[in-house]
Amino acid sequence: MSVKVRQHELYYDAELIQLPDGEFILERVPIEYENSINDRYHSVKIEDSLDHISWSYYKELVDKSEYYWWVIAEVNDIENPFDLTDYIGQKILIPDILKIIIQR
């Protein structure tokens, strides 16, 4: 079985590993990110979602910008990317997406 994973997806650079019991897992190396002069910060509001934040900051830089929500989540160590309640009022890093794409 073959699955095509696009560059904007979380598991783009993942490796499919077969476990001794025959099960498969996807394993990927987390982003190692050093700050860039092109980084920005976003103050999280109650109505925010990571896909919308990603779209608003990256829409002029990459296609399907809303799909890069996982980059923001990973760089900020956000455990549950679907619930930003704990981050309301805080500033989160919006990393330089072009730098990340080049690194991958």
Protein backbone atom coordinates (compact mmCIF):
# COMPACT_ATOMS: atom_id res chain seq x y z
CA MET A 1 0.00 0.00 0.00
CA SER A 2 1.29 3.45 -0.89
CA VAL A 3 0.13 6.77 0.54
CA LYS A 4 1.18 10.09 -0.92
CA VAL A 5 1.88 12.70 1.75
CA ARG A 6 2.10 16.32 0.65
CA GLN A 7 4.77 18.74 1.91
CA HIS A 8 2.35 20.78 4.03
CA GLU A 9 1.26 17.74 6.02
CA LEU A 10 2.54 16.84 9.47
CA TYR A 11 3.89 13.44 8.40
CA TYR A 12 5.57 14.62 5.19
CA ASP A 13 8.99 13.44 6.33
CA ALA A 14 7.80 10.53 8.45
CA GLU A 15 9.06 6.99 8.26
CA LEU A 16 6.72 4.01 8.24
CA ILE A 17 7.98 1.44 10.74
CA GLN A 18 6.70 -2.11 11.14
CA LEU A 19 6.63 -3.32 14.73
CA PRO A 20 7.46 -6.94 15.69
CA ASP A 21 3.73 -7.70 16.09
CA GLY A 22 3.10 -6.68 12.48
CA GLU A 23 1.49 -3.32 13.30
CA PHE A 24 2.76 -0.17 11.59
CA ILE A 25 3.46 3.25 13.05
CA LEU A 26 4.49 6.55 11.54
CA GLU A 27 7.48 8.12 13.21
CA ARG A 28 8.72 11.61 12.48
CA VAL A 29 11.46 13.88 13.71
CA PRO A 30 10.09 16.97 15.47
CA ILE A 31 10.92 20.40 14.11
CA GLU A 32 14.18 21.82 15.42
CA TYR A 33 13.54 25.53 15.12
CA GLU A 34 15.79 28.47 15.87
CA ASN A 35 14.27 31.93 15.87
CA SER A 36 14.33 34.00 12.70
CA ILE A 37 14.09 37.71 12.06
CA ASN A 38 10.89 36.90 10.14
CA ASP A 39 9.15 35.35 13.16
CA ARG A 40 6.01 37.03 14.41
CA TYR A 41 3.87 36.77 17.53
CA HIS A 42 0.13 36.41 17.87
CA SER A 43 -1.95 37.24 20.92
CA VAL A 44 -4.48 34.42 21.25
CA LYS A 45 -8.14 35.43 21.39
CA ILE A 46 -11.11 33.33 22.49
CA GLU A 47 -12.33 32.83 18.91
CA ASP A 48 -8.93 31.72 17.54
CA SER A 49 -8.10 28.35 16.03
CA LEU A 50 -4.67 27.30 14.82
CA ASP A 51 -5.80 26.73 11.25
CA HIS A 52 -7.18 30.26 11.07
CA ILE A 53 -4.06 31.73 12.68
CA SER A 54 -1.91 29.78 10.22
CA TRP A 55 -4.00 30.98 7.28
CA SER A 56 -3.87 34.62 8.37
CA TYR A 57 -0.08 34.72 8.76
CA TYR A 58 0.99 32.40 5.94
CA LYS A 59 -1.61 33.04 3.20
CA GLU A 60 0.73 35.29 1.19
CA LEU A 61 3.66 32.88 1.55
CA VAL A 62 2.43 29.33 0.83
CA ASP A 63 -0.45 27.48 -0.78
CA LYS A 64 -2.92 25.86 1.62
CA SER A 65 -1.57 28.01 4.42
CA GLU A 66 -4.23 26.81 6.85
CA TYR A 67 -2.72 23.31 6.68
CA TYR A 68 0.44 24.50 8.46
CA TRP A 69 -1.37 24.84 11.83
CA TRP A 70 0.70 21.95 13.17
CA VAL A 71 3.93 23.97 12.75
CA ILE A 72 2.63 26.66 15.11
CA ALA A 73 1.41 24.00 17.56
CA GLU A 74 4.71 22.16 17.59
CA VAL A 75 6.96 25.20 17.90
CA ASN A 76 4.85 26.46 20.82
CA ASP A 77 4.53 23.03 22.52
CA ILE A 78 0.74 23.20 22.31
CA GLU A 79 -0.44 19.79 23.51
CA ASN A 80 -4.03 20.05 22.26
CA PRO A 81 -4.05 22.08 19.05
CA PHE A 82 -7.85 21.97 18.92
CA ASP A 83 -8.32 23.79 22.23
CA LEU A 84 -6.47 27.07 22.76
CA THR A 85 -8.33 27.95 25.97
CA ASP A 86 -5.15 27.81 28.06
CA TYR A 87 -3.45 30.26 25.70
CA ILE A 88 -6.06 33.03 25.59
CA GLY A 89 -4.33 36.33 26.24
CA GLN A 90 -0.87 34.85 25.70
CA LYS A 91 1.46 35.49 22.78
CA ILE A 92 2.46 32.51 20.70
CA LEU A 93 5.30 32.34 18.22
CA ILE A 94 4.40 32.34 14.53
CA PRO A 95 7.56 30.86 13.06
CA ASP A 96 9.02 31.78 9.70
CA ILE A 97 7.26 29.18 7.54
CA LEU A 98 9.66 29.56 4.62
CA LYS A 99 12.60 28.72 6.88
CA ILE A 100 10.79 25.58 8.07
CA ILE A 101 9.95 24.47 4.54
CA ILE A 102 13.59 24.87 3.51
CA GLN A 103 14.75 22.83 6.54
CA ARG A 104 12.47 19.93 5.62
